[in-house]
C-alpha atoms as a PDB file:
ATOM      1  CA  UNK A   1      86.485 146.344 -81.740  1.00  0.00           C
ATOM      2  CA  UNK A   2      83.298 144.067 -81.684  1.00  0.00           C
ATOM      3  CA  UNK A   3      81.670 145.600 -78.989  1.00  0.00           C
ATOM      4  CA  UNK A   4      81.600 148.717 -80.234  1.00  0.00           C
ATOM      5  CA  UNK A   5      79.419 147.085 -83.168  1.00  0.00           C
ATOM      6  CA  UNK A   6      77.089 145.507 -80.962  1.00  0.00           C
ATOM      7  CA  UNK A   7      76.561 148.814 -79.150  1.00  0.00           C
ATOM      8  CA  UNK A   8      76.196 150.482 -82.283  1.00  0.00           C
ATOM      9  CA  UNK A   9      72.955 148.094 -83.532  1.00  0.00           C
ATOM     10  CA  UNK A  10      71.884 148.450 -80.162  1.00  0.00           C
ATOM     11  CA  UNK A  11      71.560 152.057 -80.394  1.00  0.00           C
ATOM     12  CA  UNK A  12      69.829 151.980 -83.669  1.00  0.00           C
ATOM     13  CA  UNK A  13      67.486 149.468 -82.384  1.00  0.00           C
ATOM     14  CA  UNK A  14      66.736 151.993 -79.498  1.00  0.00           C
ATOM     15  CA  UNK A  15      66.371 154.792 -82.197  1.00  0.00           C
ATOM     16  CA  UNK A  16      63.862 152.596 -83.765  1.00  0.00           C
ATOM     17  CA  UNK A  17      61.952 152.089 -80.767  1.00  0.00           C
ATOM     18  CA  UNK A  18      61.928 155.321 -79.802  1.00  0.00           C
ATOM     19  CA  UNK A  19      60.410 156.287 -82.973  1.00  0.00           C
ATOM     20  CA  UNK A  20      57.724 153.777 -82.817  1.00  0.00           C
ATOM     21  CA  UNK A  21      57.002 155.120 -79.557  1.00  0.00           C
ATOM     22  CA  UNK A  22      56.874 158.879 -80.885  1.00  0.00           C
ATOM     23  CA  UNK A  23      54.406 158.062 -83.827  1.00  0.00           C
ATOM     24  CA  UNK A  24      52.186 156.248 -81.590  1.00  0.00           C
ATOM     25  CA  UNK A  25      52.249 159.293 -78.677  1.00  0.00           C
ATOM     26  CA  UNK A  26      51.669 161.716 -81.759  1.00  0.00           C
ATOM     27  CA  UNK A  27      48.585 159.664 -83.078  1.00  0.00           C
ATOM     28  CA  UNK A  28      47.148 159.479 -79.685  1.00  0.00           C
ATOM     29  CA  UNK A  29      47.457 162.776 -78.029  1.00  0.00           C
ATOM     30  CA  UNK A  30      49.329 164.948 -80.604  1.00  0.00           C
ATOM     31  CA  UNK A  31      52.496 166.878 -80.102  1.00  0.00           C
ATOM     32  CA  UNK A  32      53.352 167.345 -76.807  1.00  0.00           C
ATOM     33  CA  UNK A  33      56.134 167.453 -74.306  1.00  0.00           C
ATOM     34  CA  UNK A  34      56.532 163.850 -74.153  1.00  0.00           C
ATOM     35  CA  UNK A  35      56.310 163.344 -78.200  1.00  0.00           C
ATOM     36  CA  UNK A  36      59.194 165.943 -78.251  1.00  0.00           C
ATOM     37  CA  UNK A  37      61.108 163.978 -75.934  1.00  0.00           C
ATOM     38  CA  UNK A  38      60.991 160.631 -77.295  1.00  0.00           C
ATOM     39  CA  UNK A  39      61.992 162.084 -80.785  1.00  0.00           C
ATOM     40  CA  UNK A  40      64.975 163.526 -79.404  1.00  0.00           C
ATOM     41  CA  UNK A  41      66.202 160.167 -77.673  1.00  0.00           C
ATOM     42  CA  UNK A  42      65.467 158.576 -81.070  1.00  0.00           C
ATOM     43  CA  UNK A  43      67.517 161.037 -82.918  1.00  0.00           C
ATOM     44  CA  UNK A  44      70.263 161.001 -80.471  1.00  0.00           C
ATOM     45  CA  UNK A  45      70.262 157.070 -80.482  1.00  0.00           C
ATOM     46  CA  UNK A  46      70.321 157.124 -84.236  1.00  0.00           C
ATOM     47  CA  UNK A  47      73.132 159.244 -84.374  1.00  0.00           C
ATOM     48  CA  UNK A  48      75.254 157.653 -82.178  1.00  0.00           C
ATOM     49  CA  UNK A  49      74.721 154.438 -83.761  1.00  0.00           C
ATOM     50  CA  UNK A  50      75.541 155.616 -87.273  1.00  0.00           C
ATOM     51  CA  UNK A  51      78.397 157.620 -85.454  1.00  0.00           C
ATOM     52  CA  UNK A  52      79.478 154.284 -84.169  1.00  0.00           C
ATOM     53  CA  UNK A  53      79.149 152.372 -87.508  1.00  0.00           C
ATOM     54  CA  UNK A  54      81.437 154.706 -89.257  1.00  0.00           C
ATOM     55  CA  UNK A  55      84.084 154.832 -86.574  1.00  0.00           C
ATOM     56  CA  UNK A  56      84.554 151.010 -86.586  1.00  0.00           C
ATOM     57  CA  UNK A  57      84.299 150.838 -90.464  1.00  0.00           C
ATOM     58  CA  UNK A  58      86.981 153.497 -90.528  1.00  0.00           C
ATOM     59  CA  UNK A  59      89.242 151.404 -87.980  1.00  0.00           C
ATOM     60  CA  UNK A  60      88.590 148.208 -90.069  1.00  0.00           C
ATOM     61  CA  UNK A  61      90.068 150.025 -93.033  1.00  0.00           C
ATOM     62  CA  UNK A  62      92.617 151.090 -91.356  1.00  0.00           C
ATOM     63  CA  UNK A  63      93.416 147.868 -90.096  1.00  0.00           C
ATOM     64  CA  UNK A  64      93.070 146.123 -93.268  1.00  0.00           C
ATOM     65  CA  UNK A  65      95.437 148.307 -95.030  1.00  0.00           C
ATOM     66  CA  UNK A  66      98.328 147.597 -92.721  1.00  0.00           C
END
């Protein structure tokens, strides 16, 4: 189950990176297609990472109760 935890943190890291690039893109050129694309990628990565962390936490709770 450790690879799932690593992938979750990697997804959250990519979410932070895409958020940073979105902020830079919007401050330089405004809200264009590329800024929306970066924001969508950031949201997807954050969502995936958080979902994986919740799944890992539930799995560990079940494993500990047995």
